[in-house]
Amino acid sequence: MAAFTSGGHESRWIPSFTSFETGCQPRASVKRFRLSLEQVYGAIAFYLGHEVQVTASMQNADRAWSEFDATHPVPDSIRERLREARNGLNMRRER
């Protein structure tokens, strides 16, 4: 994924690609991922120009995560605490 960084914002740009694919409006991505509208449209333009490479990179990352997750299971108690924390963050973002 390092090939797709821009100004150190790779981790925030990747969700913009997937949100675009699922029909999320650019202005919703601005609020959800704390990006500027310019950054969201830039991410979409980059994705459209490099769709094959970005998709392959994302699939490789998903595969690596699945392999890691299979060999390093998270205890259920920790998984539940993380889920609760994520839900709390999502509720604050929606306000």
N, C-alpha and C. Protein backbone atom coordinates (compact mmCIF):
# COMPACT_ATOMS: atom_id res chain seq x y z
N MET A 1 0.81 -1.19 0.00
CA MET A 1 0.00 0.00 0.00
C MET A 1 0.85 1.26 0.00
N ALA A 2 2.10 1.14 0.34
CA ALA A 2 2.95 2.33 0.43
C ALA A 2 2.97 3.10 -0.87
N ALA A 3 2.75 2.43 -1.99
CA ALA A 3 2.76 3.12 -3.27
C ALA A 3 1.60 4.09 -3.41
N PHE A 4 0.60 3.97 -2.56
CA PHE A 4 -0.58 4.80 -2.67
C PHE A 4 -0.68 5.86 -1.59
N THR A 5 0.45 6.21 -0.97
CA THR A 5 0.41 7.26 0.05
C THR A 5 0.53 8.62 -0.61
N SER A 6 0.02 9.59 0.08
CA SER A 6 0.15 10.97 -0.37
C SER A 6 0.12 11.85 0.86
N GLY A 7 1.25 12.39 1.21
CA GLY A 7 1.31 13.26 2.37
C GLY A 7 1.06 12.53 3.68
N GLY A 8 1.30 11.23 3.70
CA GLY A 8 1.13 10.46 4.92
C GLY A 8 -0.32 10.17 5.28
N HIS A 9 -1.25 10.32 4.36
CA HIS A 9 -2.66 10.14 4.67
C HIS A 9 -3.23 8.84 4.11
N GLU A 10 -2.37 7.88 3.82
CA GLU A 10 -2.84 6.63 3.21
C GLU A 10 -3.99 6.00 4.00
N SER A 11 -3.84 5.90 5.31
CA SER A 11 -4.84 5.19 6.11
C SER A 11 -6.20 5.85 6.05
N ARG A 12 -6.26 7.15 5.79
CA ARG A 12 -7.56 7.83 5.69
C ARG A 12 -8.08 7.82 4.26
N TRP A 13 -7.22 7.66 3.28
CA TRP A 13 -7.66 7.68 1.89
C TRP A 13 -8.30 6.36 1.48
N ILE A 14 -7.78 5.26 1.99
CA ILE A 14 -8.29 3.95 1.60
C ILE A 14 -9.79 3.84 1.85
N PRO A 15 -10.31 4.25 3.02
CA PRO A 15 -11.77 4.17 3.21
C PRO A 15 -12.53 5.03 2.20
N SER A 16 -11.93 6.10 1.71
CA SER A 16 -12.60 6.93 0.71
C SER A 16 -12.86 6.13 -0.55
N PHE A 17 -11.90 5.27 -0.93
CA PHE A 17 -12.08 4.42 -2.11
C PHE A 17 -13.26 3.49 -1.90
N THR A 18 -13.27 2.80 -0.75
CA THR A 18 -14.32 1.82 -0.51
C THR A 18 -15.68 2.48 -0.31
N SER A 19 -15.70 3.66 0.29
CA SER A 19 -16.97 4.38 0.44
C SER A 19 -17.52 4.78 -0.92
N PHE A 20 -16.64 5.21 -1.81
CA PHE A 20 -17.03 5.58 -3.16
C PHE A 20 -17.66 4.38 -3.87
N GLU A 21 -17.02 3.21 -3.73
CA GLU A 21 -17.53 2.00 -4.38
C GLU A 21 -18.92 1.62 -3.89
N THR A 22 -19.22 1.89 -2.63
CA THR A 22 -20.51 1.51 -2.07
C THR A 22 -21.56 2.60 -2.21
N GLY A 23 -21.23 3.70 -2.89
CA GLY A 23 -22.21 4.74 -3.17
C GLY A 23 -22.27 5.87 -2.17
N CYS A 24 -21.31 5.93 -1.26
CA CYS A 24 -21.29 7.02 -0.27
C CYS A 24 -21.01 8.35 -0.98
N GLN A 25 -21.74 9.37 -0.62
CA GLN A 25 -21.54 10.69 -1.21
C GLN A 25 -20.23 11.30 -0.70
N PRO A 26 -19.50 12.02 -1.54
CA PRO A 26 -18.22 12.62 -1.12
C PRO A 26 -18.33 13.47 0.15
N ARG A 27 -19.38 14.25 0.29
CA ARG A 27 -19.52 15.09 1.49
C ARG A 27 -19.67 14.26 2.75
N ALA A 28 -20.27 13.08 2.64
CA ALA A 28 -20.38 12.20 3.80
C ALA A 28 -19.00 11.66 4.18
N SER A 29 -18.14 11.41 3.19
CA SER A 29 -16.79 10.95 3.47
C SER A 29 -15.97 12.03 4.15
N VAL A 30 -16.22 13.29 3.82
CA VAL A 30 -15.52 14.40 4.46
C VAL A 30 -15.75 14.34 5.97
N LYS A 31 -16.99 14.20 6.35
CA LYS A 31 -17.34 14.17 7.77
C LYS A 31 -16.86 12.88 8.43
N ARG A 32 -17.10 11.77 7.78
CA ARG A 32 -16.78 10.46 8.38
C ARG A 32 -15.29 10.24 8.56
N PHE A 33 -14.48 10.64 7.59
CA PHE A 33 -13.04 10.35 7.64
C PHE A 33 -12.18 11.57 7.94
N ARG A 34 -12.84 12.71 8.21
CA ARG A 34 -12.12 13.94 8.54
C ARG A 34 -11.11 14.32 7.46
N LEU A 35 -11.59 14.32 6.24
CA LEU A 35 -10.80 14.75 5.09
C LEU A 35 -11.45 16.00 4.52
N SER A 36 -10.68 16.74 3.72
CA SER A 36 -11.29 17.86 3.01
C SER A 36 -12.01 17.31 1.78
N LEU A 37 -12.95 18.09 1.24
CA LEU A 37 -13.65 17.67 0.03
C LEU A 37 -12.65 17.48 -1.11
N GLU A 38 -11.66 18.34 -1.16
CA GLU A 38 -10.61 18.22 -2.18
C GLU A 38 -9.88 16.88 -2.05
N GLN A 39 -9.57 16.45 -0.82
CA GLN A 39 -8.89 15.18 -0.61
C GLN A 39 -9.77 14.00 -1.04
N VAL A 40 -11.06 14.08 -0.74
CA VAL A 40 -11.97 12.99 -1.11
C VAL A 40 -12.05 12.87 -2.63
N TYR A 41 -12.26 13.99 -3.32
CA TYR A 41 -12.33 13.94 -4.78
C TYR A 41 -10.98 13.52 -5.37
N GLY A 42 -9.88 13.93 -4.75
CA GLY A 42 -8.56 13.49 -5.20
C GLY A 42 -8.39 11.99 -5.06
N ALA A 43 -8.87 11.45 -3.93
CA ALA A 43 -8.79 10.00 -3.71
C ALA A 43 -9.64 9.26 -4.73
N ILE A 44 -10.82 9.78 -5.02
CA ILE A 44 -11.69 9.14 -6.01
C ILE A 44 -11.04 9.19 -7.39
N ALA A 45 -10.48 10.35 -7.76
CA ALA A 45 -9.82 10.47 -9.06
C ALA A 45 -8.64 9.51 -9.16
N PHE A 46 -7.85 9.44 -8.09
CA PHE A 46 -6.72 8.52 -8.09
C PHE A 46 -7.20 7.08 -8.24
N TYR A 47 -8.23 6.73 -7.48
CA TYR A 47 -8.77 5.37 -7.55
C TYR A 47 -9.24 5.04 -8.96
N LEU A 48 -9.98 5.95 -9.58
CA LEU A 48 -10.49 5.69 -10.92
C LEU A 48 -9.36 5.55 -11.94
N GLY A 49 -8.27 6.26 -11.72
CA GLY A 49 -7.12 6.16 -12.63
C GLY A 49 -6.22 4.97 -12.38
N HIS A 50 -6.35 4.35 -11.22
CA HIS A 50 -5.47 3.23 -10.84
C HIS A 50 -6.27 2.10 -10.20
N GLU A 51 -7.48 1.89 -10.67
CA GLU A 51 -8.40 0.95 -10.03
C GLU A 51 -7.83 -0.46 -9.89
N VAL A 52 -7.18 -0.97 -10.91
CA VAL A 52 -6.64 -2.33 -10.85
C VAL A 52 -5.56 -2.44 -9.78
N GLN A 53 -4.64 -1.47 -9.76
CA GLN A 53 -3.56 -1.50 -8.77
C GLN A 53 -4.07 -1.32 -7.34
N VAL A 54 -5.00 -0.39 -7.16
CA VAL A 54 -5.53 -0.14 -5.82
C VAL A 54 -6.31 -1.35 -5.33
N THR A 55 -7.13 -1.93 -6.19
CA THR A 55 -7.90 -3.11 -5.81
C THR A 55 -6.98 -4.27 -5.45
N ALA A 56 -5.94 -4.49 -6.24
CA ALA A 56 -4.98 -5.57 -5.94
C ALA A 56 -4.28 -5.31 -4.61
N SER A 57 -3.90 -4.07 -4.36
CA SER A 57 -3.23 -3.72 -3.12
C SER A 57 -4.15 -3.94 -1.92
N MET A 58 -5.41 -3.56 -2.06
CA MET A 58 -6.37 -3.75 -0.97
C MET A 58 -6.64 -5.23 -0.73
N GLN A 59 -6.71 -6.02 -1.80
CA GLN A 59 -6.91 -7.45 -1.65
C GLN A 59 -5.70 -8.10 -0.96
N ASN A 60 -4.50 -7.67 -1.31
CA ASN A 60 -3.31 -8.18 -0.64
C ASN A 60 -3.32 -7.84 0.84
N ALA A 61 -3.72 -6.62 1.17
CA ALA A 61 -3.80 -6.22 2.58
C ALA A 61 -4.85 -7.04 3.32
N ASP A 62 -5.99 -7.27 2.69
CA ASP A 62 -7.04 -8.10 3.31
C ASP A 62 -6.55 -9.52 3.54
N ARG A 63 -5.84 -10.07 2.56
CA ARG A 63 -5.30 -11.42 2.67
C ARG A 63 -4.28 -11.49 3.80
N ALA A 64 -3.40 -10.51 3.88
CA ALA A 64 -2.38 -10.48 4.95
C ALA A 64 -3.05 -10.36 6.31
N TRP A 65 -4.09 -9.52 6.40
CA TRP A 65 -4.79 -9.38 7.67
C TRP A 65 -5.47 -10.69 8.06
N SER A 66 -6.09 -11.35 7.11
CA SER A 66 -6.76 -12.63 7.40
C SER A 66 -5.77 -13.66 7.90
N GLU A 67 -4.59 -13.71 7.27
CA GLU A 67 -3.55 -14.65 7.71
C GLU A 67 -3.08 -14.31 9.12
N PHE A 68 -2.86 -13.04 9.39
CA PHE A 68 -2.43 -12.61 10.72
C PHE A 68 -3.50 -12.94 11.75
N ASP A 69 -4.75 -12.61 11.43
CA ASP A 69 -5.86 -12.82 12.34
C ASP A 69 -6.02 -14.31 12.67
N ALA A 70 -5.79 -15.18 11.69
CA ALA A 70 -5.92 -16.62 11.91
C ALA A 70 -4.84 -17.16 12.84
N THR A 71 -3.66 -16.55 12.80
CA THR A 71 -2.55 -17.04 13.62
C THR A 71 -2.39 -16.28 14.94
N HIS A 72 -3.11 -15.18 15.10
CA HIS A 72 -3.04 -14.37 16.32
C HIS A 72 -4.44 -13.99 16.78
N PRO A 73 -5.23 -14.97 17.23
CA PRO A 73 -6.61 -14.65 17.61
C PRO A 73 -6.67 -13.70 18.81
N VAL A 74 -7.63 -12.79 18.75
CA VAL A 74 -7.86 -11.83 19.83
C VAL A 74 -8.85 -12.46 20.79
N PRO A 75 -8.54 -12.48 22.08
CA PRO A 75 -9.49 -13.03 23.05
C PRO A 75 -10.85 -12.33 22.97
N ASP A 76 -11.90 -13.09 23.18
CA ASP A 76 -13.26 -12.55 23.06
C ASP A 76 -13.49 -11.33 23.95
N SER A 77 -12.92 -11.33 25.15
CA SER A 77 -13.13 -10.20 26.06
C SER A 77 -12.53 -8.91 25.48
N ILE A 78 -11.38 -9.02 24.88
CA ILE A 78 -10.75 -7.83 24.27
C ILE A 78 -11.51 -7.42 23.02
N ARG A 79 -11.94 -8.40 22.24
CA ARG A 79 -12.71 -8.10 21.02
C ARG A 79 -13.98 -7.32 21.37
N GLU A 80 -14.64 -7.71 22.45
CA GLU A 80 -15.87 -7.03 22.89
C GLU A 80 -15.56 -5.60 23.34
N ARG A 81 -14.48 -5.41 24.08
CA ARG A 81 -14.12 -4.06 24.52
C ARG A 81 -13.79 -3.16 23.32
N LEU A 82 -13.13 -3.70 22.33
CA LEU A 82 -12.82 -2.93 21.12
C LEU A 82 -14.10 -2.57 20.36
N ARG A 83 -15.03 -3.52 20.29
CA ARG A 83 -16.30 -3.26 19.61
C ARG A 83 -17.06 -2.14 20.31
N GLU A 84 -17.10 -2.17 21.64
CA GLU A 84 -17.77 -1.12 22.40
C GLU A 84 -17.10 0.24 22.19
N ALA A 85 -15.77 0.26 22.18
CA ALA A 85 -15.05 1.53 21.96
C ALA A 85 -15.33 2.07 20.56
N ARG A 86 -15.34 1.20 19.56
CA ARG A 86 -15.62 1.63 18.18
C ARG A 86 -17.03 2.18 18.07
N ASN A 87 -17.99 1.51 18.69
CA ASN A 87 -19.38 2.00 18.67
C ASN A 87 -19.48 3.37 19.32
N GLY A 88 -18.76 3.58 20.42
CA GLY A 88 -18.75 4.88 21.07
C GLY A 88 -18.18 5.97 20.18
N LEU A 89 -17.09 5.66 19.47
CA LEU A 89 -16.50 6.63 18.54
C LEU A 89 -17.45 6.95 17.40
N ASN A 90 -18.09 5.92 16.86
CA ASN A 90 -19.02 6.14 15.75
C ASN A 90 -20.20 7.01 16.18
N MET A 91 -20.68 6.79 17.40
CA MET A 91 -21.80 7.61 17.89
C MET A 91 -21.38 9.07 18.04
N ARG A 92 -20.14 9.32 18.50
CA ARG A 92 -19.66 10.70 18.63
C ARG A 92 -19.48 11.36 17.28
N ARG A 93 -19.02 10.60 16.28
CA ARG A 93 -18.83 11.16 14.94
C ARG A 93 -20.14 11.56 14.29
N GLU A 94 -21.20 10.82 14.60
CA GLU A 94 -22.49 11.07 13.98
C GLU A 94 -23.18 12.31 14.52
N ARG A 95 -22.72 12.82 15.64
CA ARG A 95 -23.35 14.01 16.25
C ARG A 95 -23.05 15.24 15.50
